[in-house]
Amino acid sequence: MEIIDVLNQWYELRKGEGVDLEMFGGIFGGRIGEATQQVESFSFADNRLEFRFNPTEQLEIINPQGVTLERCRLVIARADEVRWGWHYYGNPKTDENWCTIQYIVKEDHIDWTVTGKINHSEGPVTQGQMPLGDKPAVVLFWW
C-alpha cells in the first residue's frame, strides 16, 4: 500500500479525534494521555509529511519510511528528520511561547534539539545526541 493510502485510511479513522505522540521511543508529555493531540489535518508532498493538530501543534517528518497502520496506531518506522512544535501549554499563543523538539537522524546516532520555554532554567536551546536504537521514528496511537 502506498504511503498516501495508509495516511488517508488513518485520517478517516482519526480526524477530529485524539492521539498520543511518541518520537523515537519517548512519549510527548511523559505519559500516555498526558498530552493527547486532536487531529486536524495532514499533507504529504515531496517526501515531507506534515500533521496539524488543534489548536496549534505541528508535526513534520522528512523522508518518512515504513509507514503502516496497525490496530490502534500509525507507525512511521524511519525518517531523516522529525520536528514537533507547540505553544507552551497554559500560556498565550505567541512566538515567545513556541517550543520545538527536533530530531535529525545520522548514520549511527540521532542529534536532538529542544527550544522554547520547555527548557526552563536550561536556557533557550538544549542539544544532545542519543543512540539510533530500534524504536520507530514516530507513532501516533490511541486507545
Foldseek 3Di string as FASTA:
>chain_A
DDPVVQVVVVCVVQAQHWWWKDFQHATVCRDPPRDTWHWHDWDDDPQWIWTATPPGKIKIFHNFDDFHDDDFKTFRQDTQKIKIKDFQPPDDPDPQRIKMWMWGDDPFKIKIKIAHCVCPPPDGMDIDIGGPDRGGRMMIGDD
